[in-house]
Amino acid sequence: MGDGLARPAFGHAYTDGETRRISVLLGGLVQWGDELSPVRIRQLSCAGARVESASIPPVGSVVRFSRGMAMVTARVAAAGRDGFELMFGRIIGEDELRIFLSGTSLTIADDDAALPISKN
């Protein structure tokens, strides 16, 4: 692709083409290891997100992505100079996607809480 992002191959059961991306301009947070970085969410879908940030975690890192009380574990699928793409560890439902868009509270699913966060 011509967007300057390096993309490794991953064995996930879904691709970007299988979910509709929503263009947004929202604030969020990404945590990996001891680092907690504010991000600007540019695109959001049930499978992942594209964000802009001054701090870029290494490609392949497992991170926790949040907005308000909504939270999901994700893997950094691609990174560029000013942002990166996240591939969620699970497909989130449309109701959960709406919670991310509104920034209201959400209970963390057990499968998210069990995944380790990269210490890069």
C-alpha atoms as a PDB file:
ATOM      1  CA  MET A   1       0.000   0.000   0.000  1.00  0.00           C
ATOM      2  CA  GLY A   2       1.134   3.560  -0.598  1.00  0.00           C
ATOM      3  CA  ASP A   3       0.546   4.906   2.923  1.00  0.00           C
ATOM      4  CA  GLY A   4       4.122   4.374   4.206  1.00  0.00           C
ATOM      5  CA  LEU A   5       3.157   1.729   6.788  1.00  0.00           C
ATOM      6  CA  ALA A   6       5.190  -1.467   7.168  1.00  0.00           C
ATOM      7  CA  ARG A   7       2.865  -4.489   7.366  1.00  0.00           C
ATOM      8  CA  PRO A   8       3.976  -7.896   8.657  1.00  0.00           C
ATOM      9  CA  ALA A   9       1.980 -11.050   7.894  1.00  0.00           C
ATOM     10  CA  PHE A  10      -0.277 -12.244  10.723  1.00  0.00           C
ATOM     11  CA  GLY A  11      -2.381 -15.385  10.989  1.00  0.00           C
ATOM     12  CA  HIS A  12      -5.650 -13.674  11.890  1.00  0.00           C
ATOM     13  CA  ALA A  13      -9.014 -14.950  10.745  1.00  0.00           C
ATOM     14  CA  TYR A  14     -10.106 -11.565   9.382  1.00  0.00           C
ATOM     15  CA  THR A  15      -8.776  -8.743   7.225  1.00  0.00           C
ATOM     16  CA  ASP A  16      -9.454  -5.024   6.863  1.00  0.00           C
ATOM     17  CA  GLY A  17     -11.731  -5.714   3.889  1.00  0.00           C
ATOM     18  CA  GLU A  18     -14.146  -7.752   6.013  1.00  0.00           C
ATOM     19  CA  THR A  19     -15.171  -4.861   8.279  1.00  0.00           C
ATOM     20  CA  ARG A  20     -16.362  -1.346   7.565  1.00  0.00           C
ATOM     21  CA  ARG A  21     -13.996   1.373   8.771  1.00  0.00           C
ATOM     22  CA  ILE A  22     -15.418   4.566  10.222  1.00  0.00           C
ATOM     23  CA  SER A  23     -13.400   7.761   9.784  1.00  0.00           C
ATOM     24  CA  VAL A  24     -13.297   9.636  13.087  1.00  0.00           C
ATOM     25  CA  LEU A  25     -11.239  12.184  14.993  1.00  0.00           C
ATOM     26  CA  LEU A  26     -11.353  11.046  18.625  1.00  0.00           C
ATOM     27  CA  GLY A  27      -8.947  10.819  21.539  1.00  0.00           C
ATOM     28  CA  GLY A  28      -7.868   7.530  23.093  1.00  0.00           C
ATOM     29  CA  LEU A  29      -5.016   5.804  24.907  1.00  0.00           C
ATOM     30  CA  VAL A  30      -2.663   2.948  24.057  1.00  0.00           C
ATOM     31  CA  GLN A  31      -0.701   1.141  26.772  1.00  0.00           C
ATOM     32  CA  TRP A  32       2.249  -1.194  26.240  1.00  0.00           C
ATOM     33  CA  GLY A  33       4.648  -2.170  29.006  1.00  0.00           C
ATOM     34  CA  ASP A  34       4.979   0.824  31.335  1.00  0.00           C
ATOM     35  CA  GLU A  35       4.162   3.323  28.573  1.00  0.00           C
ATOM     36  CA  LEU A  36       0.739   4.961  28.327  1.00  0.00           C
ATOM     37  CA  SER A  37       0.431   7.123  25.234  1.00  0.00           C
ATOM     38  CA  PRO A  38      -2.403   9.408  24.134  1.00  0.00           C
ATOM     39  CA  VAL A  39      -3.505   8.744  20.551  1.00  0.00           C
ATOM     40  CA  ARG A  40      -5.723  10.414  17.977  1.00  0.00           C
ATOM     41  CA  ILE A  41      -8.094   7.780  16.557  1.00  0.00           C
ATOM     42  CA  ARG A  42      -8.479   8.322  12.793  1.00  0.00           C
ATOM     43  CA  GLN A  43     -10.299   5.134  11.739  1.00  0.00           C
ATOM     44  CA  LEU A  44     -12.218   2.594  13.787  1.00  0.00           C
ATOM     45  CA  SER A  45     -13.843  -0.730  12.910  1.00  0.00           C
ATOM     46  CA  CYS A  46     -14.973  -3.888  14.674  1.00  0.00           C
ATOM     47  CA  ALA A  47     -11.574  -5.436  13.795  1.00  0.00           C
ATOM     48  CA  GLY A  48      -9.120  -2.636  14.549  1.00  0.00           C
ATOM     49  CA  ALA A  49      -8.150   1.012  14.477  1.00  0.00           C
ATOM     50  CA  ARG A  50      -5.737   3.409  12.832  1.00  0.00           C
ATOM     51  CA  VAL A  51      -4.273   5.965  15.227  1.00  0.00           C
ATOM     52  CA  GLU A  52      -1.805   8.867  15.228  1.00  0.00           C
ATOM     53  CA  SER A  53       0.665   9.253  18.075  1.00  0.00           C
ATOM     54  CA  ALA A  54       4.047  10.741  18.968  1.00  0.00           C
ATOM     55  CA  SER A  55       5.005   7.378  20.565  1.00  0.00           C
ATOM     56  CA  ILE A  56       4.998   4.342  18.267  1.00  0.00           C
ATOM     57  CA  PRO A  57       5.091   0.846  19.807  1.00  0.00           C
ATOM     58  CA  PRO A  58       7.059  -1.825  17.904  1.00  0.00           C
ATOM     59  CA  VAL A  59       5.176  -3.718  15.184  1.00  0.00           C
ATOM     60  CA  GLY A  60       3.901  -6.975  16.659  1.00  0.00           C
ATOM     61  CA  SER A  61       3.531  -5.568  20.191  1.00  0.00           C
ATOM     62  CA  VAL A  62       0.450  -6.504  22.187  1.00  0.00           C
ATOM     63  CA  VAL A  63      -1.150  -3.341  23.572  1.00  0.00           C
ATOM     64  CA  ARG A  64      -4.270  -2.255  25.383  1.00  0.00           C
ATOM     65  CA  PHE A  65      -6.361   0.274  23.419  1.00  0.00           C
ATOM     66  CA  SER A  66      -8.930   2.364  25.285  1.00  0.00           C
ATOM     67  CA  ARG A  67     -11.307   5.269  24.952  1.00  0.00           C
ATOM     68  CA  GLY A  68     -13.169   6.273  28.091  1.00  0.00           C
ATOM     69  CA  MET A  69     -13.901   3.034  29.917  1.00  0.00           C
ATOM     70  CA  ALA A  70     -14.052   0.974  26.687  1.00  0.00           C
ATOM     71  CA  MET A  71     -10.963  -1.216  26.326  1.00  0.00           C
ATOM     72  CA  VAL A  72      -9.700  -3.990  24.030  1.00  0.00           C
ATOM     73  CA  THR A  73      -6.397  -5.838  23.651  1.00  0.00           C
ATOM     74  CA  ALA A  74      -4.808  -5.399  20.221  1.00  0.00           C
ATOM     75  CA  ARG A  75      -1.648  -6.113  18.243  1.00  0.00           C
ATOM     76  CA  VAL A  76       0.292  -3.393  16.417  1.00  0.00           C
ATOM     77  CA  ALA A  77      -0.118  -4.564  12.820  1.00  0.00           C
ATOM     78  CA  ALA A  78       1.675  -1.719  11.038  1.00  0.00           C
ATOM     79  CA  ALA A  79       3.570   1.442  11.925  1.00  0.00           C
ATOM     80  CA  GLY A  80       4.607   4.628  10.173  1.00  0.00           C
ATOM     81  CA  ARG A  81       6.286   7.898  11.182  1.00  0.00           C
ATOM     82  CA  ASP A  82       3.275   9.426  12.893  1.00  0.00           C
ATOM     83  CA  GLY A  83       0.928   6.556  13.636  1.00  0.00           C
ATOM     84  CA  PHE A  84       0.119   2.883  13.620  1.00  0.00           C
ATOM     85  CA  GLU A  85      -2.615   0.362  12.911  1.00  0.00           C
ATOM     86  CA  LEU A  86      -4.116  -1.910  15.540  1.00  0.00           C
ATOM     87  CA  MET A  87      -5.638  -5.312  14.927  1.00  0.00           C
ATOM     88  CA  PHE A  88      -7.964  -6.189  17.806  1.00  0.00           C
ATOM     89  CA  GLY A  89      -7.482  -9.546  19.530  1.00  0.00           C
ATOM     90  CA  ARG A  90     -11.154 -10.254  18.855  1.00  0.00           C
ATOM     91  CA  ILE A  91     -13.862  -8.786  16.671  1.00  0.00           C
ATOM     92  CA  ILE A  92     -15.889  -6.342  18.763  1.00  0.00           C
ATOM     93  CA  GLY A  93     -19.643  -6.160  18.268  1.00  0.00           C
ATOM     94  CA  GLU A  94     -21.419  -3.134  16.858  1.00  0.00           C
ATOM     95  CA  ASP A  95     -22.807  -2.262  20.299  1.00  0.00           C
ATOM     96  CA  GLU A  96     -19.277  -2.239  21.715  1.00  0.00           C
ATOM     97  CA  LEU A  97     -18.101  -0.185  18.721  1.00  0.00           C
ATOM     98  CA  ARG A  98     -20.776   2.411  19.542  1.00  0.00           C
ATOM     99  CA  ILE A  99     -19.449   2.533  23.123  1.00  0.00           C
ATOM    100  CA  PHE A 100     -15.938   3.252  21.754  1.00  0.00           C
ATOM    101  CA  LEU A 101     -17.409   6.015  19.593  1.00  0.00           C
ATOM    102  CA  SER A 102     -19.297   7.587  22.490  1.00  0.00           C
ATOM    103  CA  GLY A 103     -16.549   7.091  25.107  1.00  0.00           C
ATOM    104  CA  THR A 104     -18.999   5.754  27.740  1.00  0.00           C
ATOM    105  CA  SER A 105     -18.308   2.933  30.190  1.00  0.00           C
ATOM    106  CA  LEU A 106     -17.966  -0.758  29.351  1.00  0.00           C
ATOM    107  CA  THR A 107     -17.042  -3.867  31.315  1.00  0.00           C
ATOM    108  CA  ILE A 108     -13.814  -5.494  30.094  1.00  0.00           C
ATOM    109  CA  ALA A 109     -14.350  -8.974  28.662  1.00  0.00           C
ATOM    110  CA  ASP A 110     -12.484 -11.806  30.415  1.00  0.00           C
ATOM    111  CA  ASP A 111     -10.565 -12.719  27.227  1.00  0.00           C
ATOM    112  CA  ASP A 112      -9.070  -9.209  27.092  1.00  0.00           C
ATOM    113  CA  ALA A 113      -8.020  -9.199  30.734  1.00  0.00           C
ATOM    114  CA  ALA A 114      -6.108 -12.486  30.314  1.00  0.00           C
ATOM    115  CA  LEU A 115      -3.836 -11.362  27.444  1.00  0.00           C
ATOM    116  CA  PRO A 116      -0.362 -10.102  28.418  1.00  0.00           C
ATOM    117  CA  ILE A 117       0.699  -6.612  27.339  1.00  0.00           C
ATOM    118  CA  SER A 118       4.073  -6.341  25.559  1.00  0.00           C
ATOM    119  CA  LYS A 119       6.935  -4.987  27.647  1.00  0.00           C
ATOM    120  CA  ASN A 120       8.887  -3.387  24.763  1.00  0.00           C
END
